[in-house]
């Protein structure tokens, strides 16, 4: 049975497990992610080192984009792979510099 309540980190009031802000004291609660959440470190490293193959896109559940990355890399004789490598490097840096809460909210 799943837990449906938690305690406010500021005032200790019993609140709903999904509450982002305590209704009693108004303090924002820390994000509690799911056990199957994606790792921003893994996504960032996949993007930086395997970016043109689209591995990071597959990992994040964006299969269509992953297939597009893979096809562009394979069919453009290297030129597309170079462009995708640059794009993926930037994506990897963005993944790694995003806060844990924002990353978890975007890539559940």
PDB file of N, CA and C in Angstrom:
ATOM      1  N   UNK A   1       0.849  -1.180   0.000  1.00  0.00           N
ATOM      2  CA  UNK A   1       0.000   0.000   0.000  1.00  0.00           C
ATOM      3  C   UNK A   1       0.899   1.249   0.000  1.00  0.00           C
ATOM      4  N   UNK A   2       0.625   2.160  -0.885  1.00  0.00           N
ATOM      5  CA  UNK A   2       1.429   3.374  -1.022  1.00  0.00           C
ATOM      6  C   UNK A   2       1.093   4.367   0.088  1.00  0.00           C
ATOM      7  N   UNK A   3       2.119   5.051   0.519  1.00  0.00           N
ATOM      8  CA  UNK A   3       1.963   6.086   1.541  1.00  0.00           C
ATOM      9  C   UNK A   3       1.257   7.292   0.918  1.00  0.00           C
ATOM     10  N   UNK A   4       0.268   7.863   1.628  1.00  0.00           N
ATOM     11  CA  UNK A   4      -0.478   8.982   1.062  1.00  0.00           C
ATOM     12  C   UNK A   4      -0.214  10.308   1.769  1.00  0.00           C
ATOM     13  N   UNK A   5       0.543  10.273   2.857  1.00  0.00           N
ATOM     14  CA  UNK A   5       0.852  11.510   3.568  1.00  0.00           C
ATOM     15  C   UNK A   5       2.344  11.565   3.902  1.00  0.00           C
ATOM     16  N   UNK A   6       2.777  12.770   4.203  1.00  0.00           N
ATOM     17  CA  UNK A   6       4.144  13.019   4.670  1.00  0.00           C
ATOM     18  C   UNK A   6       4.069  14.174   5.655  1.00  0.00           C
ATOM     19  N   UNK A   7       5.208  14.532   6.228  1.00  0.00           N
ATOM     20  CA  UNK A   7       5.251  15.637   7.186  1.00  0.00           C
ATOM     21  C   UNK A   7       6.015  16.804   6.576  1.00  0.00           C
ATOM     22  N   UNK A   8       5.517  18.006   6.812  1.00  0.00           N
ATOM     23  CA  UNK A   8       6.171  19.218   6.332  1.00  0.00           C
ATOM     24  C   UNK A   8       7.574  19.304   6.916  1.00  0.00           C
ATOM     25  N   UNK A   9       8.530  19.648   6.076  1.00  0.00           N
ATOM     26  CA  UNK A   9       9.920  19.750   6.525  1.00  0.00           C
ATOM     27  C   UNK A   9      10.161  20.973   7.417  1.00  0.00           C
ATOM     28  N   UNK A  10       9.216  21.917   7.413  1.00  0.00           N
ATOM     29  CA  UNK A  10       9.378  23.135   8.206  1.00  0.00           C
ATOM     30  C   UNK A  10       8.598  23.079   9.525  1.00  0.00           C
ATOM     31  N   UNK A  11       7.294  22.814   9.435  1.00  0.00           N
ATOM     32  CA  UNK A  11       6.459  22.896  10.636  1.00  0.00           C
ATOM     33  C   UNK A  11       6.035  21.532  11.190  1.00  0.00           C
ATOM     34  N   UNK A  12       6.249  20.465  10.421  1.00  0.00           N
ATOM     35  CA  UNK A  12       5.904  19.132  10.895  1.00  0.00           C
ATOM     36  C   UNK A  12       4.452  18.738  10.704  1.00  0.00           C
ATOM     37  N   UNK A  13       3.659  19.587  10.067  1.00  0.00           N
ATOM     38  CA  UNK A  13       2.247  19.304   9.809  1.00  0.00           C
ATOM     39  C   UNK A  13       2.127  18.111   8.862  1.00  0.00           C
ATOM     40  N   UNK A  14       1.145  17.256   9.095  1.00  0.00           N
ATOM     41  CA  UNK A  14       0.875  16.127   8.215  1.00  0.00           C
ATOM     42  C   UNK A  14       0.192  16.671   6.954  1.00  0.00           C
ATOM     43  N   UNK A  15       0.788  16.402   5.776  1.00  0.00           N
ATOM     44  CA  UNK A  15       0.260  16.923   4.514  1.00  0.00           C
ATOM     45  C   UNK A  15       0.198  15.793   3.482  1.00  0.00           C
ATOM     46  N   UNK A  16      -0.486  16.033   2.388  1.00  0.00           N
ATOM     47  CA  UNK A  16      -0.586  15.069   1.299  1.00  0.00           C
ATOM     48  C   UNK A  16       0.794  14.788   0.717  1.00  0.00           C
ATOM     49  N   UNK A  17       1.034  13.555   0.332  1.00  0.00           N
ATOM     50  CA  UNK A  17       2.343  13.138  -0.182  1.00  0.00           C
ATOM     51  C   UNK A  17       2.750  13.927  -1.427  1.00  0.00           C
ATOM     52  N   UNK A  18       1.801  14.392  -2.226  1.00  0.00           N
ATOM     53  CA  UNK A  18       2.112  15.116  -3.450  1.00  0.00           C
ATOM     54  C   UNK A  18       2.115  16.629  -3.291  1.00  0.00           C
ATOM     55  N   UNK A  19       1.913  17.106  -2.063  1.00  0.00           N
ATOM     56  CA  UNK A  19       1.886  18.550  -1.819  1.00  0.00           C
ATOM     57  C   UNK A  19       3.249  19.160  -2.110  1.00  0.00           C
ATOM     58  N   UNK A  20       3.247  20.213  -2.896  1.00  0.00           N
ATOM     59  CA  UNK A  20       4.487  20.929  -3.185  1.00  0.00           C
ATOM     60  C   UNK A  20       4.739  22.033  -2.161  1.00  0.00           C
ATOM     61  N   UNK A  21       3.654  22.557  -1.596  1.00  0.00           N
ATOM     62  CA  UNK A  21       3.738  23.629  -0.609  1.00  0.00           C
ATOM     63  C   UNK A  21       2.865  23.257   0.579  1.00  0.00           C
ATOM     64  N   UNK A  22       3.391  23.436   1.781  1.00  0.00           N
ATOM     65  CA  UNK A  22       2.626  23.127   2.985  1.00  0.00           C
ATOM     66  C   UNK A  22       1.472  24.121   3.122  1.00  0.00           C
ATOM     67  N   UNK A  23       0.231  23.643   3.265  1.00  0.00           N
ATOM     68  CA  UNK A  23      -0.900  24.566   3.403  1.00  0.00           C
ATOM     69  C   UNK A  23      -0.888  25.330   4.736  1.00  0.00           C
ATOM     70  N   UNK A  24      -0.176  24.826   5.741  1.00  0.00           N
ATOM     71  CA  UNK A  24      -0.154  25.500   7.045  1.00  0.00           C
ATOM     72  C   UNK A  24       0.872  26.633   7.074  1.00  0.00           C
ATOM     73  N   UNK A  25       2.119  26.339   6.660  1.00  0.00           N
ATOM     74  CA  UNK A  25       3.169  27.358   6.791  1.00  0.00           C
ATOM     75  C   UNK A  25       3.612  27.962   5.460  1.00  0.00           C
ATOM     76  N   UNK A  26       3.200  27.360   4.341  1.00  0.00           N
ATOM     77  CA  UNK A  26       3.518  27.916   3.027  1.00  0.00           C
ATOM     78  C   UNK A  26       4.924  27.623   2.519  1.00  0.00           C
ATOM     79  N   UNK A  27       5.656  26.722   3.164  1.00  0.00           N
ATOM     80  CA  UNK A  27       7.020  26.399   2.750  1.00  0.00           C
ATOM     81  C   UNK A  27       7.000  25.330   1.661  1.00  0.00           C
ATOM     82  N   UNK A  28       7.784  25.568   0.586  1.00  0.00           N
ATOM     83  CA  UNK A  28       7.894  24.590  -0.500  1.00  0.00           C
ATOM     84  C   UNK A  28       8.577  23.339   0.019  1.00  0.00           C
ATOM     85  N   UNK A  29       8.021  22.186  -0.341  1.00  0.00           N
ATOM     86  CA  UNK A  29       8.549  20.909   0.101  1.00  0.00           C
ATOM     87  C   UNK A  29       9.552  20.364  -0.920  1.00  0.00           C
ATOM     88  N   UNK A  30      10.565  19.641  -0.452  1.00  0.00           N
ATOM     89  CA  UNK A  30      11.529  19.066  -1.397  1.00  0.00           C
ATOM     90  C   UNK A  30      10.865  18.025  -2.279  1.00  0.00           C
ATOM     91  N   UNK A  31      11.377  17.906  -3.485  1.00  0.00           N
ATOM     92  CA  UNK A  31      10.828  16.947  -4.442  1.00  0.00           C
ATOM     93  C   UNK A  31      11.168  15.532  -4.008  1.00  0.00           C
ATOM     94  N   UNK A  32      10.167  14.676  -4.005  1.00  0.00           N
ATOM     95  CA  UNK A  32      10.379  13.258  -3.721  1.00  0.00           C
ATOM     96  C   UNK A  32      10.106  12.518  -5.017  1.00  0.00           C
ATOM     97  N   UNK A  33      11.177  12.081  -5.685  1.00  0.00           N
ATOM     98  CA  UNK A  33      11.036  11.430  -6.989  1.00  0.00           C
ATOM     99  C   UNK A  33      10.642   9.981  -6.865  1.00  0.00           C
ATOM    100  N   UNK A  34      10.278   9.412  -7.987  1.00  0.00           N
ATOM    101  CA  UNK A  34       9.937   8.001  -8.056  1.00  0.00           C
ATOM    102  C   UNK A  34      11.218   7.175  -8.046  1.00  0.00           C
ATOM    103  N   UNK A  35      11.082   5.912  -7.699  1.00  0.00           N
ATOM    104  CA  UNK A  35      12.238   5.017  -7.648  1.00  0.00           C
ATOM    105  C   UNK A  35      12.809   4.756  -9.037  1.00  0.00           C
ATOM    106  N   UNK A  36      11.980   4.885 -10.061  1.00  0.00           N
ATOM    107  CA  UNK A  36      12.432   4.594 -11.422  1.00  0.00           C
ATOM    108  C   UNK A  36      12.819   5.860 -12.193  1.00  0.00           C
ATOM    109  N   UNK A  37      13.163   6.909 -11.484  1.00  0.00           N
ATOM    110  CA  UNK A  37      13.516   8.153 -12.161  1.00  0.00           C
ATOM    111  C   UNK A  37      14.824   8.000 -12.928  1.00  0.00           C
ATOM    112  N   UNK A  38      14.987   8.803 -13.937  1.00  0.00           N
ATOM    113  CA  UNK A  38      16.181   8.768 -14.782  1.00  0.00           C
ATOM    114  C   UNK A  38      17.313   9.551 -14.121  1.00  0.00           C
ATOM    115  N   UNK A  39      18.528   9.093 -14.340  1.00  0.00           N
ATOM    116  CA  UNK A  39      19.703   9.747 -13.785  1.00  0.00           C
ATOM    117  C   UNK A  39      20.193  10.832 -14.734  1.00  0.00           C
ATOM    118  N   UNK A  40      20.330  12.041 -14.210  1.00  0.00           N
ATOM    119  CA  UNK A  40      20.819  13.123 -15.061  1.00  0.00           C
ATOM    120  C   UNK A  40      22.285  12.914 -15.396  1.00  0.00           C
ATOM    121  N   UNK A  41      23.027  12.260 -14.522  1.00  0.00           N
ATOM    122  CA  UNK A  41      24.443  11.991 -14.798  1.00  0.00           C
ATOM    123  C   UNK A  41      24.568  11.010 -15.949  1.00  0.00           C
ATOM    124  N   UNK A  42      23.772   9.940 -15.922  1.00  0.00           N
ATOM    125  CA  UNK A  42      23.809   8.970 -17.020  1.00  0.00           C
ATOM    126  C   UNK A  42      23.398   9.632 -18.329  1.00  0.00           C
ATOM    127  N   UNK A  43      22.311  10.409 -18.302  1.00  0.00           N
ATOM    128  CA  UNK A  43      21.852  11.084 -19.515  1.00  0.00           C
ATOM    129  C   UNK A  43      22.909  12.038 -20.045  1.00  0.00           C
ATOM    130  N   UNK A  44      23.548  12.785 -19.150  1.00  0.00           N
ATOM    131  CA  UNK A  44      24.589  13.726 -19.563  1.00  0.00           C
ATOM    132  C   UNK A  44      25.786  13.026 -20.171  1.00  0.00           C
ATOM    133  N   UNK A  45      26.230  11.940 -19.554  1.00  0.00           N
ATOM    134  CA  UNK A  45      27.378  11.202 -20.091  1.00  0.00           C
ATOM    135  C   UNK A  45      27.047  10.526 -21.411  1.00  0.00           C
ATOM    136  N   UNK A  46      25.829   9.970 -21.520  1.00  0.00           N
ATOM    137  CA  UNK A  46      25.413   9.390 -22.804  1.00  0.00           C
ATOM    138  C   UNK A  46      25.431  10.454 -23.890  1.00  0.00           C
ATOM    139  N   UNK A  47      24.914  11.636 -23.571  1.00  0.00           N
ATOM    140  CA  UNK A  47      24.861  12.712 -24.563  1.00  0.00           C
ATOM    141  C   UNK A  47      26.264  13.155 -24.971  1.00  0.00           C
ATOM    142  N   UNK A  48      27.155  13.298 -24.008  1.00  0.00           N
ATOM    143  CA  UNK A  48      28.507  13.788 -24.308  1.00  0.00           C
ATOM    144  C   UNK A  48      29.322  12.768 -25.090  1.00  0.00           C
ATOM    145  N   UNK A  49      29.261  11.497 -24.680  1.00  0.00           N
ATOM    146  CA  UNK A  49      30.137  10.501 -25.292  1.00  0.00           C
ATOM    147  C   UNK A  49      29.505   9.699 -26.433  1.00  0.00           C
ATOM    148  N   UNK A  50      28.171   9.555 -26.435  1.00  0.00           N
ATOM    149  CA  UNK A  50      27.496   8.765 -27.472  1.00  0.00           C
ATOM    150  C   UNK A  50      26.402   9.560 -28.174  1.00  0.00           C
ATOM    151  N   UNK A  51      26.500  10.873 -28.104  1.00  0.00           N
ATOM    152  CA  UNK A  51      25.462  11.758 -28.610  1.00  0.00           C
ATOM    153  C   UNK A  51      24.986  11.516 -30.021  1.00  0.00           C
ATOM    154  N   UNK A  52      25.876  11.409 -31.005  1.00  0.00           N
ATOM    155  CA  UNK A  52      25.415  11.233 -32.384  1.00  0.00           C
ATOM    156  C   UNK A  52      24.612   9.954 -32.608  1.00  0.00           C
ATOM    157  N   UNK A  53      24.749   8.975 -31.723  1.00  0.00           N
ATOM    158  CA  UNK A  53      23.983   7.738 -31.848  1.00  0.00           C
ATOM    159  C   UNK A  53      22.603   7.848 -31.206  1.00  0.00           C
ATOM    160  N   UNK A  54      22.360   8.921 -30.471  1.00  0.00           N
ATOM    161  CA  UNK A  54      21.049   9.159 -29.864  1.00  0.00           C
ATOM    162  C   UNK A  54      20.779   8.327 -28.624  1.00  0.00           C
ATOM    163  N   UNK A  55      21.810   7.732 -28.030  1.00  0.00           N
ATOM    164  CA  UNK A  55      21.626   6.868 -26.865  1.00  0.00           C
ATOM    165  C   UNK A  55      20.943   7.626 -25.724  1.00  0.00           C
ATOM    166  N   UNK A  56      21.305   8.897 -25.529  1.00  0.00           N
ATOM    167  CA  UNK A  56      20.684   9.680 -24.457  1.00  0.00           C
ATOM    168  C   UNK A  56      19.197   9.882 -24.701  1.00  0.00           C
ATOM    169  N   UNK A  57      18.804  10.007 -25.952  1.00  0.00           N
ATOM    170  CA  UNK A  57      17.380  10.172 -26.269  1.00  0.00           C
ATOM    171  C   UNK A  57      16.611   8.884 -25.964  1.00  0.00           C
ATOM    172  N   UNK A  58      17.193   7.740 -26.341  1.00  0.00           N
ATOM    173  CA  UNK A  58      16.555   6.464 -26.013  1.00  0.00           C
ATOM    174  C   UNK A  58      16.443   6.302 -24.498  1.00  0.00           C
ATOM    175  N   UNK A  59      17.497   6.645 -23.775  1.00  0.00           N
ATOM    176  CA  UNK A  59      17.504   6.522 -22.321  1.00  0.00           C
ATOM    177  C   UNK A  59      16.406   7.375 -21.683  1.00  0.00           C
ATOM    178  N   UNK A  60      16.175   8.562 -22.209  1.00  0.00           N
ATOM    179  CA  UNK A  60      15.169   9.465 -21.650  1.00  0.00           C
ATOM    180  C   UNK A  60      13.762   9.187 -22.162  1.00  0.00           C
ATOM    181  N   UNK A  61      13.593   8.133 -22.951  1.00  0.00           N
ATOM    182  CA  UNK A  61      12.272   7.749 -23.426  1.00  0.00           C
ATOM    183  C   UNK A  61      11.813   8.482 -24.663  1.00  0.00           C
ATOM    184  N   UNK A  62      12.698   9.170 -25.335  1.00  0.00           N
ATOM    185  CA  UNK A  62      12.357   9.903 -26.558  1.00  0.00           C
ATOM    186  C   UNK A  62      12.836   9.076 -27.760  1.00  0.00           C
ATOM    187  N   UNK A  63      12.143   7.960 -27.983  1.00  0.00           N
ATOM    188  CA  UNK A  63      12.558   6.985 -28.982  1.00  0.00           C
ATOM    189  C   UNK A  63      12.590   7.568 -30.385  1.00  0.00           C
ATOM    190  N   UNK A  64      11.608   8.355 -30.745  1.00  0.00           N
ATOM    191  CA  UNK A  64      11.567   8.962 -32.074  1.00  0.00           C
ATOM    192  C   UNK A  64      12.781   9.842 -32.334  1.00  0.00           C
ATOM    193  N   UNK A  65      13.140  10.653 -31.357  1.00  0.00           N
ATOM    194  CA  UNK A  65      14.323  11.505 -31.502  1.00  0.00           C
ATOM    195  C   UNK A  65      15.593  10.663 -31.555  1.00  0.00           C
ATOM    196  N   UNK A  66      15.630   9.576 -30.785  1.00  0.00           N
ATOM    197  CA  UNK A  66      16.788   8.683 -30.807  1.00  0.00           C
ATOM    198  C   UNK A  66      16.979   8.051 -32.168  1.00  0.00           C
ATOM    199  N   UNK A  67      15.889   7.614 -32.768  1.00  0.00           N
ATOM    200  CA  UNK A  67      15.953   7.025 -34.108  1.00  0.00           C
ATOM    201  C   UNK A  67      16.408   8.072 -35.113  1.00  0.00           C
ATOM    202  N   UNK A  68      15.904   9.304 -34.988  1.00  0.00           N
ATOM    203  CA  UNK A  68      16.312  10.377 -35.900  1.00  0.00           C
ATOM    204  C   UNK A  68      17.810  10.647 -35.782  1.00  0.00           C
ATOM    205  N   UNK A  69      18.323  10.728 -34.566  1.00  0.00           N
ATOM    206  CA  UNK A  69      19.764  10.943 -34.351  1.00  0.00           C
ATOM    207  C   UNK A  69      20.562   9.822 -35.015  1.00  0.00           C
ATOM    208  N   UNK A  70      20.136   8.586 -34.792  1.00  0.00           N
ATOM    209  CA  UNK A  70      20.847   7.432 -35.330  1.00  0.00           C
ATOM    210  C   UNK A  70      20.836   7.442 -36.853  1.00  0.00           C
ATOM    211  N   UNK A  71      19.684   7.680 -37.439  1.00  0.00           N
ATOM    212  CA  UNK A  71      19.587   7.697 -38.906  1.00  0.00           C
ATOM    213  C   UNK A  71      20.389   8.840 -39.520  1.00  0.00           C
ATOM    214  N   UNK A  72      20.309  10.010 -38.931  1.00  0.00           N
ATOM    215  CA  UNK A  72      21.077  11.150 -39.451  1.00  0.00           C
ATOM    216  C   UNK A  72      22.572  10.847 -39.391  1.00  0.00           C
ATOM    217  N   UNK A  73      23.018  10.275 -38.285  1.00  0.00           N
ATOM    218  CA  UNK A  73      24.437   9.948 -38.144  1.00  0.00           C
ATOM    219  C   UNK A  73      24.890   8.923 -39.177  1.00  0.00           C
ATOM    220  N   UNK A  74      24.058   7.934 -39.428  1.00  0.00           N
ATOM    221  CA  UNK A  74      24.442   6.861 -40.345  1.00  0.00           C
ATOM    222  C   UNK A  74      24.307   7.245 -41.816  1.00  0.00           C
ATOM    223  N   UNK A  75      23.336   8.086 -42.140  1.00  0.00           N
ATOM    224  CA  UNK A  75      23.030   8.365 -43.543  1.00  0.00           C
ATOM    225  C   UNK A  75      23.705   9.604 -44.117  1.00  0.00           C
ATOM    226  N   UNK A  76      24.315  10.431 -43.285  1.00  0.00           N
ATOM    227  CA  UNK A  76      24.889  11.677 -43.812  1.00  0.00           C
ATOM    228  C   UNK A  76      26.405  11.625 -43.963  1.00  0.00           C
ATOM    229  N   UNK A  77      26.968  10.439 -43.862  1.00  0.00           N
ATOM    230  CA  UNK A  77      28.394  10.229 -44.091  1.00  0.00           C
ATOM    231  C   UNK A  77      29.292  11.102 -43.214  1.00  0.00           C
ATOM    232  N   UNK A  78      28.946  11.235 -41.967  1.00  0.00           N
ATOM    233  CA  UNK A  78      29.812  11.922 -41.023  1.00  0.00           C
ATOM    234  C   UNK A  78      29.495  13.372 -40.760  1.00  0.00           C
ATOM    235  N   UNK A  79      29.003  14.100 -41.756  1.00  0.00           N
ATOM    236  CA  UNK A  79      28.705  15.517 -41.567  1.00  0.00           C
ATOM    237  C   UNK A  79      27.599  15.695 -40.526  1.00  0.00           C
ATOM    238  N   UNK A  80      26.557  14.905 -40.654  1.00  0.00           N
ATOM    239  CA  UNK A  80      25.460  14.966 -39.682  1.00  0.00           C
ATOM    240  C   UNK A  80      25.912  14.552 -38.302  1.00  0.00           C
ATOM    241  N   UNK A  81      26.811  13.562 -38.254  1.00  0.00           N
ATOM    242  CA  UNK A  81      27.313  13.088 -36.964  1.00  0.00           C
ATOM    243  C   UNK A  81      28.102  14.185 -36.248  1.00  0.00           C
ATOM    244  N   UNK A  82      28.852  14.960 -36.999  1.00  0.00           N
ATOM    245  CA  UNK A  82      29.624  16.060 -36.396  1.00  0.00           C
ATOM    246  C   UNK A  82      28.682  17.117 -35.828  1.00  0.00           C
ATOM    247  N   UNK A  83      27.672  17.453 -36.591  1.00  0.00           N
ATOM    248  CA  UNK A  83      26.688  18.439 -36.124  1.00  0.00           C
ATOM    249  C   UNK A  83      25.956  17.915 -34.887  1.00  0.00           C
ATOM    250  N   UNK A  84      25.540  16.635 -34.937  1.00  0.00           N
ATOM    251  CA  UNK A  84      24.845  16.053 -33.789  1.00  0.00           C
ATOM    252  C   UNK A  84      25.769  15.920 -32.579  1.00  0.00           C
ATOM    253  N   UNK A  85      27.053  15.724 -32.799  1.00  0.00           N
ATOM    254  CA  UNK A  85      28.001  15.651 -31.690  1.00  0.00           C
ATOM    255  C   UNK A  85      28.059  16.986 -30.954  1.00  0.00           C
ATOM    256  N   UNK A  86      28.044  18.062 -31.702  1.00  0.00           N
ATOM    257  CA  UNK A  86      28.064  19.396 -31.091  1.00  0.00           C
ATOM    258  C   UNK A  86      26.767  19.651 -30.323  1.00  0.00           C
ATOM    259  N   UNK A  87      25.640  19.310 -30.955  1.00  0.00           N
ATOM    260  CA  UNK A  87      24.335  19.486 -30.303  1.00  0.00           C
ATOM    261  C   UNK A  87      24.264  18.637 -29.039  1.00  0.00           C
ATOM    262  N   UNK A  88      24.727  17.394 -29.135  1.00  0.00           N
ATOM    263  CA  UNK A  88      24.671  16.479 -27.994  1.00  0.00           C
ATOM    264  C   UNK A  88      25.584  16.929 -26.863  1.00  0.00           C
ATOM    265  N   UNK A  89      26.717  17.497 -27.193  1.00  0.00           N
ATOM    266  CA  UNK A  89      27.613  18.025 -26.171  1.00  0.00           C
ATOM    267  C   UNK A  89      26.905  19.120 -25.370  1.00  0.00           C
ATOM    268  N   UNK A  90      26.229  19.997 -26.082  1.00  0.00           N
ATOM    269  CA  UNK A  90      25.466  21.065 -25.416  1.00  0.00           C
ATOM    270  C   UNK A  90      24.345  20.470 -24.572  1.00  0.00           C
ATOM    271  N   UNK A  91      23.614  19.474 -25.127  1.00  0.00           N
ATOM    272  CA  UNK A  91      22.543  18.822 -24.367  1.00  0.00           C
ATOM    273  C   UNK A  91      23.092  18.167 -23.101  1.00  0.00           C
ATOM    274  N   UNK A  92      24.239  17.505 -23.224  1.00  0.00           N
ATOM    275  CA  UNK A  92      24.848  16.863 -22.064  1.00  0.00           C
ATOM    276  C   UNK A  92      25.186  17.856 -20.976  1.00  0.00           C
ATOM    277  N   UNK A  93      25.729  18.991 -21.365  1.00  0.00           N
ATOM    278  CA  UNK A  93      26.061  20.036 -20.398  1.00  0.00           C
ATOM    279  C   UNK A  93      24.794  20.571 -19.740  1.00  0.00           C
ATOM    280  N   UNK A  94      23.741  20.737 -20.526  1.00  0.00           N
ATOM    281  CA  UNK A  94      22.462  21.212 -19.977  1.00  0.00           C
ATOM    282  C   UNK A  94      21.909  20.194 -18.983  1.00  0.00           C
ATOM    283  N   UNK A  95      21.926  18.895 -19.349  1.00  0.00           N
ATOM    284  CA  UNK A  95      21.435  17.864 -18.425  1.00  0.00           C
ATOM    285  C   UNK A  95      22.201  17.912 -17.104  1.00  0.00           C
ATOM    286  N   UNK A  96      23.513  17.993 -17.185  1.00  0.00           N
ATOM    287  CA  UNK A  96      24.334  17.957 -15.977  1.00  0.00           C
ATOM    288  C   UNK A  96      24.203  19.215 -15.128  1.00  0.00           C
ATOM    289  N   UNK A  97      23.869  20.340 -15.743  1.00  0.00           N
ATOM    290  CA  UNK A  97      23.760  21.587 -14.988  1.00  0.00           C
ATOM    291  C   UNK A  97      22.339  21.874 -14.495  1.00  0.00           C
ATOM    292  N   UNK A  98      21.374  21.065 -14.913  1.00  0.00           N
ATOM    293  CA  UNK A  98      19.991  21.221 -14.463  1.00  0.00           C
ATOM    294  C   UNK A  98      19.863  20.707 -13.031  1.00  0.00           C
ATOM    295  N   UNK A  99      19.033  21.348 -12.239  1.00  0.00           N
ATOM    296  CA  UNK A  99      18.825  20.877 -10.867  1.00  0.00           C
ATOM    297  C   UNK A  99      18.157  19.501 -10.891  1.00  0.00           C
ATOM    298  N   UNK A 100      18.372  18.735  -9.839  1.00  0.00           N
ATOM    299  CA  UNK A 100      17.788  17.399  -9.751  1.00  0.00           C
ATOM    300  C   UNK A 100      16.264  17.438  -9.842  1.00  0.00           C
ATOM    301  N   UNK A 101      15.663  18.428  -9.188  1.00  0.00           N
ATOM    302  CA  UNK A 101      14.207  18.534  -9.182  1.00  0.00           C
ATOM    303  C   UNK A 101      13.664  18.839 -10.570  1.00  0.00           C
ATOM    304  N   UNK A 102      14.294  19.785 -11.275  1.00  0.00           N
ATOM    305  CA  UNK A 102      13.841  20.138 -12.620  1.00  0.00           C
ATOM    306  C   UNK A 102      14.032  18.976 -13.587  1.00  0.00           C
ATOM    307  N   UNK A 103      15.164  18.288 -13.477  1.00  0.00           N
ATOM    308  CA  UNK A 103      15.423  17.154 -14.354  1.00  0.00           C
ATOM    309  C   UNK A 103      14.412  16.048 -14.105  1.00  0.00           C
ATOM    310  N   UNK A 104      14.159  15.744 -12.838  1.00  0.00           N
ATOM    311  CA  UNK A 104      13.202  14.684 -12.498  1.00  0.00           C
ATOM    312  C   UNK A 104      11.793  15.043 -12.952  1.00  0.00           C
ATOM    313  N   UNK A 105      11.437  16.309 -12.864  1.00  0.00           N
ATOM    314  CA  UNK A 105      10.102  16.733 -13.294  1.00  0.00           C
ATOM    315  C   UNK A 105       9.953  16.624 -14.802  1.00  0.00           C
ATOM    316  N   UNK A 106      11.003  16.889 -15.543  1.00  0.00           N
ATOM    317  CA  UNK A 106      10.933  16.860 -17.003  1.00  0.00           C
ATOM    318  C   UNK A 106      11.048  15.450 -17.563  1.00  0.00           C
ATOM    319  N   UNK A 107      11.859  14.606 -16.954  1.00  0.00           N
ATOM    320  CA  UNK A 107      12.122  13.262 -17.472  1.00  0.00           C
ATOM    321  C   UNK A 107      11.720  12.208 -16.462  1.00  0.00           C
ATOM    322  N   UNK A 108      10.440  12.051 -16.228  1.00  0.00           N
ATOM    323  CA  UNK A 108       9.924  11.049 -15.274  1.00  0.00           C
ATOM    324  C   UNK A 108      10.056   9.669 -15.842  1.00  0.00           C
TER     325      UNK A 108
END
